[in-house]
Protein backbone atom coordinates (compact mmCIF):
# COMPACT_ATOMS: atom_id res chain seq x y z
CA MET A 1 -10.88 -14.68 -39.28
CA LYS A 2 -14.61 -13.52 -38.10
CA SER A 3 -15.72 -15.63 -35.50
CA LEU A 4 -18.19 -14.29 -32.46
CA ILE A 5 -16.76 -16.30 -30.14
CA LEU A 6 -13.28 -15.46 -30.21
CA GLN A 7 -14.47 -11.60 -30.34
CA THR A 8 -16.00 -11.88 -27.30
CA ALA A 9 -13.60 -13.57 -25.63
CA SER A 10 -10.73 -11.47 -26.27
CA ARG A 11 -11.84 -8.16 -25.38
CA TYR A 12 -11.89 -9.80 -22.11
CA LEU A 13 -8.78 -11.43 -22.66
CA ILE A 14 -7.23 -8.82 -24.00
CA VAL A 15 -7.97 -6.88 -19.91
CA LEU A 16 -6.42 -9.39 -18.36
CA LEU A 17 -3.46 -10.13 -20.21
CA VAL A 18 -2.90 -6.49 -20.20
CA ILE A 19 -3.13 -6.22 -15.74
CA PHE A 20 -1.14 -9.30 -15.32
CA SER A 21 1.23 -8.26 -17.82
CA VAL A 22 2.15 -5.44 -15.78
CA PHE A 23 2.16 -7.57 -12.47
CA ILE A 24 4.68 -9.64 -13.71
CA LEU A 25 6.26 -5.81 -14.81
CA LEU A 26 6.57 -4.73 -11.80
CA ARG A 27 7.75 -8.31 -9.38
CA GLY A 28 10.21 -9.05 -12.31
CA HIS A 29 13.37 -7.07 -10.59
CA ASN A 30 13.18 -8.55 -7.55
CA GLU A 31 11.41 -11.94 -8.59
CA PRO A 32 12.02 -14.04 -11.60
CA GLY A 33 9.30 -12.34 -14.01
CA GLY A 34 10.16 -8.98 -15.48
CA GLY A 35 10.59 -6.84 -18.76
CA PHE A 36 10.74 -9.91 -21.33
CA VAL A 37 7.59 -11.82 -20.12
CA GLY A 38 5.64 -8.62 -19.01
CA GLY A 39 6.65 -8.23 -22.89
CA LEU A 40 6.01 -11.58 -24.34
CA LEU A 41 2.05 -11.48 -22.57
CA ILE A 42 0.74 -7.88 -23.26
CA ALA A 43 2.33 -8.82 -27.33
CA GLY A 44 0.49 -11.85 -26.92
CA ALA A 45 -2.98 -9.75 -25.82
CA PHE A 46 -2.65 -7.62 -29.23
CA ALA A 47 -1.71 -10.11 -30.96
CA LEU A 48 -5.51 -12.03 -30.24
CA TYR A 49 -6.75 -9.14 -30.98
CA GLY A 50 -5.67 -9.04 -34.24
CA LEU A 51 -6.85 -12.13 -34.53
CA ALA A 52 -10.22 -12.05 -33.31
CA TYR A 53 -10.89 -8.74 -35.17
CA GLU A 54 -7.90 -7.76 -38.21
CA PRO A 55 -4.37 -6.05 -37.87
CA LYS A 56 -5.43 -2.44 -38.57
CA ALA A 57 -7.97 -2.71 -35.64
CA ALA A 58 -5.25 -3.53 -32.99
CA ARG A 59 -2.62 -1.29 -34.68
CA ARG A 60 -5.58 1.35 -34.02
CA LEU A 61 -5.77 -0.21 -29.81
CA LEU A 62 -2.42 0.59 -29.95
CA ARG A 63 -2.22 3.93 -30.78
CA LEU A 64 1.63 4.20 -31.38
CA ASP A 65 3.55 2.61 -34.59
CA PRO A 66 5.76 -0.44 -33.09
CA ARG A 67 8.54 1.01 -34.76
CA THR A 68 8.45 4.26 -31.71
CA ILE A 69 7.59 1.64 -28.44
CA ILE A 70 10.74 0.04 -29.07
CA GLY A 71 13.08 2.80 -29.74
CA VAL A 72 11.43 4.00 -26.58
CA GLY A 73 12.25 0.72 -24.47
CA LEU A 74 15.81 1.23 -25.82
CA VAL A 75 16.28 4.95 -24.20
CA THR A 76 15.14 3.30 -21.39
CA ALA A 77 17.15 1.32 -20.87
CA ALA A 78 20.09 2.46 -22.28
CA GLY A 79 19.32 5.82 -19.74
CA SER A 80 19.07 3.15 -16.95
CA GLY A 81 22.39 2.39 -16.83
CA LEU A 82 23.45 5.96 -17.12
CA ALA A 83 22.24 6.55 -13.83
CA ALA A 84 25.38 4.45 -12.47
CA VAL A 85 27.89 6.37 -14.51
CA TRP A 86 26.42 9.72 -13.30
CA HIS A 87 26.99 8.02 -9.65
CA GLY A 88 30.93 7.23 -10.93
CA GLN A 89 29.85 3.75 -11.05
CA PRO A 90 30.02 0.85 -14.33
CA PHE A 91 27.23 1.29 -16.74
CA LEU A 92 23.76 -0.87 -15.63
CA THR A 93 24.86 -0.59 -11.74
CA GLY A 94 21.72 -0.75 -10.23
CA GLN A 95 20.49 2.24 -7.94
CA TRP A 96 17.85 2.76 -5.68
CA LEU A 97 16.29 5.64 -3.91
CA PRO A 98 17.39 5.47 0.36
CA TYR A 99 13.29 5.17 0.60
CA PRO A 100 11.16 2.71 -0.56
CA ILE A 101 7.22 4.11 -2.81
CA PRO A 102 4.10 3.21 -0.66
CA PHE A 103 1.94 0.63 -2.40
CA LEU A 104 5.33 -1.12 -4.45
CA CYS A 105 8.42 -1.45 -3.33
CA LYS A 106 11.92 0.59 -3.48
CA LEU A 107 12.52 2.13 -7.19
CA GLY A 108 15.56 1.56 -8.53
CA THR A 109 17.34 1.84 -12.30
CA VAL A 110 16.70 -1.89 -12.72
CA PHE A 111 12.86 -0.77 -12.93
CA PHE A 112 13.36 1.02 -15.35
CA PHE A 113 16.40 -1.57 -17.37
CA ASP A 114 13.06 -3.72 -17.51
CA LEU A 115 11.08 -1.46 -18.72
CA GLY A 116 12.96 -0.29 -21.49
CA VAL A 117 13.00 -4.42 -21.93
CA TYR A 118 9.06 -4.53 -21.81
CA LEU A 119 8.97 -1.87 -24.23
CA VAL A 120 10.98 -3.39 -26.48
CA VAL A 121 10.19 -6.70 -26.22
CA LEU A 122 6.62 -5.70 -26.96
CA GLY A 123 7.19 -3.90 -29.97
CA THR A 124 9.24 -6.50 -31.66
CA ALA A 125 6.89 -8.56 -31.04
CA LEU A 126 4.10 -6.71 -32.30
CA LEU A 127 6.02 -5.93 -34.91
CA VAL A 128 6.19 -9.59 -36.61
CA LEU A 129 2.90 -10.82 -34.90
CA LEU A 130 0.57 -7.92 -37.51
CA THR A 131 3.19 -7.97 -40.15
CA LEU A 132 2.76 -11.21 -40.12
CA GLU A 133 -1.25 -11.06 -39.67
CA GLU A 134 -1.98 -8.70 -42.91
CA GLU A 135 -0.22 -11.20 -45.08
């Protein structure tokens, strides 16, 4: 679809959607939101870009194959659960650093689980949406 208005708007909207999705990801392990909602937002940003230009342009902007993103997300989410096993606790028990990171929050395995979910949702949604857009 070639629409000058959609192409112009998508260039600005993709930046806003990516920033907002990262915000949702970062606040998600303490408040509602997190990896799933943030992943859907960023996937929607790339899908919008694919609609405005073409799916190949969205794939170039993404730079990684969605299947690779899914794999990295699965490893990240599973790895966050193994940290608890390493400390002799049940799988996926939250582990926290004893001191907060300045300007962020207390960092722990819950964030890395959310990051893994974020990447899995991003990769899965983009794989489906870009495949449908290409047909």
